[in-house]
Amino acid sequence: MIAQADETVALAQKWLEQIHHLADHADLAAESALVAQSTVLLGEARSKLESAIEDLESETGGSTVRRV
């Protein structure tokens, strides 16, 4: 289930990267910057999801999930 959430976030991140480039080409600097920041936050969320998957698959099994 966590892997599916990670895939969904990855897809959203890919779409936002495309929107970022379109906004950049349209000279919408402020909007482009906001979308770029969003993609960074999604990247951080994916990193946390990947860590959770690794923790759950390890023998220690201790993991916490924080809403971003």
C-alpha atoms as a PDB file:
ATOM      1  CA  MET A   1       0.000   0.000   0.000  1.00  0.00           C
ATOM      2  CA  ILE A   2       2.862   2.400   0.773  1.00  0.00           C
ATOM      3  CA  ALA A   3       4.429   1.549  -2.579  1.00  0.00           C
ATOM      4  CA  GLN A   4       1.189   2.497  -4.323  1.00  0.00           C
ATOM      5  CA  ALA A   5       1.154   5.838  -2.505  1.00  0.00           C
ATOM      6  CA  ASP A   6       4.765   6.363  -3.578  1.00  0.00           C
ATOM      7  CA  GLU A   7       3.859   5.659  -7.202  1.00  0.00           C
ATOM      8  CA  THR A   8       0.972   8.122  -7.009  1.00  0.00           C
ATOM      9  CA  VAL A   9       3.212  10.826  -5.552  1.00  0.00           C
ATOM     10  CA  ALA A  10       5.817  10.087  -8.243  1.00  0.00           C
ATOM     11  CA  LEU A  11       3.208  10.596 -10.949  1.00  0.00           C
ATOM     12  CA  ALA A  12       2.056  13.876  -9.389  1.00  0.00           C
ATOM     13  CA  GLN A  13       5.681  14.985  -9.159  1.00  0.00           C
ATOM     14  CA  LYS A  14       6.195  14.196 -12.856  1.00  0.00           C
ATOM     15  CA  TRP A  15       3.113  16.224 -13.829  1.00  0.00           C
ATOM     16  CA  LEU A  16       4.191  19.165 -11.675  1.00  0.00           C
ATOM     17  CA  GLU A  17       7.638  19.127 -13.301  1.00  0.00           C
ATOM     18  CA  GLN A  18       5.923  19.454 -16.686  1.00  0.00           C
ATOM     19  CA  ILE A  19       3.733  22.280 -15.382  1.00  0.00           C
ATOM     20  CA  HIS A  20       6.846  23.962 -13.976  1.00  0.00           C
ATOM     21  CA  HIS A  21       8.516  23.909 -17.392  1.00  0.00           C
ATOM     22  CA  LEU A  22       5.381  25.203 -19.116  1.00  0.00           C
ATOM     23  CA  ALA A  23       5.062  28.062 -16.610  1.00  0.00           C
ATOM     24  CA  ASP A  24       8.748  28.835 -17.035  1.00  0.00           C
ATOM     25  CA  HIS A  25       8.416  29.002 -20.830  1.00  0.00           C
ATOM     26  CA  ALA A  26       5.357  31.252 -20.455  1.00  0.00           C
ATOM     27  CA  ASP A  27       7.417  33.728 -18.376  1.00  0.00           C
ATOM     28  CA  LEU A  28       5.357  33.051 -15.258  1.00  0.00           C
ATOM     29  CA  ALA A  29       8.311  33.213 -12.890  1.00  0.00           C
ATOM     30  CA  ALA A  30       6.391  33.372  -9.602  1.00  0.00           C
ATOM     31  CA  GLU A  31       4.093  30.505 -10.541  1.00  0.00           C
ATOM     32  CA  SER A  32       7.000  28.481 -11.881  1.00  0.00           C
ATOM     33  CA  ALA A  33       8.877  28.916  -8.592  1.00  0.00           C
ATOM     34  CA  LEU A  34       5.874  27.817  -6.530  1.00  0.00           C
ATOM     35  CA  VAL A  35       5.391  24.702  -8.628  1.00  0.00           C
ATOM     36  CA  ALA A  36       9.114  23.946  -8.381  1.00  0.00           C
ATOM     37  CA  GLN A  37       8.890  24.178  -4.584  1.00  0.00           C
ATOM     38  CA  SER A  38       5.961  21.773  -4.672  1.00  0.00           C
ATOM     39  CA  THR A  39       7.985  19.218  -6.618  1.00  0.00           C
ATOM     40  CA  VAL A  40      10.743  19.465  -4.000  1.00  0.00           C
ATOM     41  CA  LEU A  41       8.216  18.803  -1.219  1.00  0.00           C
ATOM     42  CA  LEU A  42       6.860  15.806  -3.113  1.00  0.00           C
ATOM     43  CA  GLY A  43      10.418  14.529  -3.465  1.00  0.00           C
ATOM     44  CA  GLU A  44      10.829  14.779   0.303  1.00  0.00           C
ATOM     45  CA  ALA A  45       7.549  12.919   0.811  1.00  0.00           C
ATOM     46  CA  ARG A  46       8.720  10.157  -1.535  1.00  0.00           C
ATOM     47  CA  SER A  47      11.974   9.867   0.381  1.00  0.00           C
ATOM     48  CA  LYS A  48      10.040   9.378   3.616  1.00  0.00           C
ATOM     49  CA  LEU A  49       7.799   6.781   1.989  1.00  0.00           C
ATOM     50  CA  GLU A  50      10.833   4.893   0.706  1.00  0.00           C
ATOM     51  CA  SER A  51      12.350   4.973   4.197  1.00  0.00           C
ATOM     52  CA  ALA A  52       9.116   3.619   5.644  1.00  0.00           C
ATOM     53  CA  ILE A  53       9.114   0.767   3.126  1.00  0.00           C
ATOM     54  CA  GLU A  54      12.722  -0.082   3.987  1.00  0.00           C
ATOM     55  CA  ASP A  55      11.978   0.021   7.729  1.00  0.00           C
ATOM     56  CA  LEU A  56       8.956  -2.220   7.360  1.00  0.00           C
ATOM     57  CA  GLU A  57      10.942  -4.708   5.285  1.00  0.00           C
ATOM     58  CA  SER A  58      13.855  -4.771   7.741  1.00  0.00           C
ATOM     59  CA  GLU A  59      13.908  -7.026  10.749  1.00  0.00           C
ATOM     60  CA  THR A  60      13.725  -4.150  13.232  1.00  0.00           C
ATOM     61  CA  GLY A  61      10.460  -2.893  11.775  1.00  0.00           C
ATOM     62  CA  GLY A  62      10.284   0.463  13.591  1.00  0.00           C
ATOM     63  CA  SER A  63       8.813   3.264  11.498  1.00  0.00           C
ATOM     64  CA  THR A  64       6.749   6.375  12.025  1.00  0.00           C
ATOM     65  CA  VAL A  65       4.720   8.212   9.419  1.00  0.00           C
ATOM     66  CA  ARG A  66       4.354  11.977   9.576  1.00  0.00           C
ATOM     67  CA  ARG A  67       1.762  13.873   7.588  1.00  0.00           C
ATOM     68  CA  VAL A  68       3.452  16.418   5.323  1.00  0.00           C
END
